[in-house]
Amino acid sequence: MSRPIRIAIVGTSGSGKTTLARRLSMALGAPTVELDALNWGPDWRNRSRSASGEFIERVEDAVAGDRWVADGNYRLVQPIILAHATDVIWLDYSRWVIMRRVLVRSIERAASGAELWPGTGNRESWRQWLGQEHPIRWAWDTHAANRARYAALFAGAEHAHLRVHRLRRPVEVERLLVSTLRSVGVSAASLRTDPGEARG
């Protein structure tokens, strides 16, 4: 039986958590646990605020297995995820890298009008950019606080069981992916390349 590998990916909004999670999940043949998809319901219903019990239950079910890759920063469920995880990938990029990425992502989403999570009908619109919790504003406002919080969190004895991979530049991602796959006996050839990770 293959050893458990349960990976939590964290980092400021726009850092590339979901893209990385999908690449890693595909290569490992493991489920992706996208916290945004579990949280957001139709018409932007925020379960973490309006139905916290439901959100917690959905997350607990999603991380009950021995192999998964989860991405997201929700404080409500982060203790659950980290308690189960074997590894954490912390995308601790500079504010400039983050802002460039979140801006490009927001433009692409608003221009395409694509549904963000199947079945929700949720789509990004230009008028949302003015909101305090829009990812662009959120990434700028929380960057420093997130860095301090995660540094303290992963230094604590409570999370000594975790292998923490703190990546400070996007170019470090590919090396980590290859080494992670090798450690569980998976060929790096199964990785789908992401040209965006080579920049910054």
Foldseek 3Di string as FASTA:
>chain_A
DFAFAAEEEEEAPLLCQVVLQVLLCQLVVAEEAELVLLQAAAPRHGCVPVPVVSSLVVVLVRLVDRYYYYYDDDPSNVVVSLVSHQEYEYALEDLVSRLVRLVVVLVVQQVVQDDPHPPRSDGHHPVCVPDCPRSNNRRVVCNVVVVVVVVVVCVDPVNPSYHYHYDHALVVSLVVSCVVCVVRPTHSVSGDDDVVSNDD
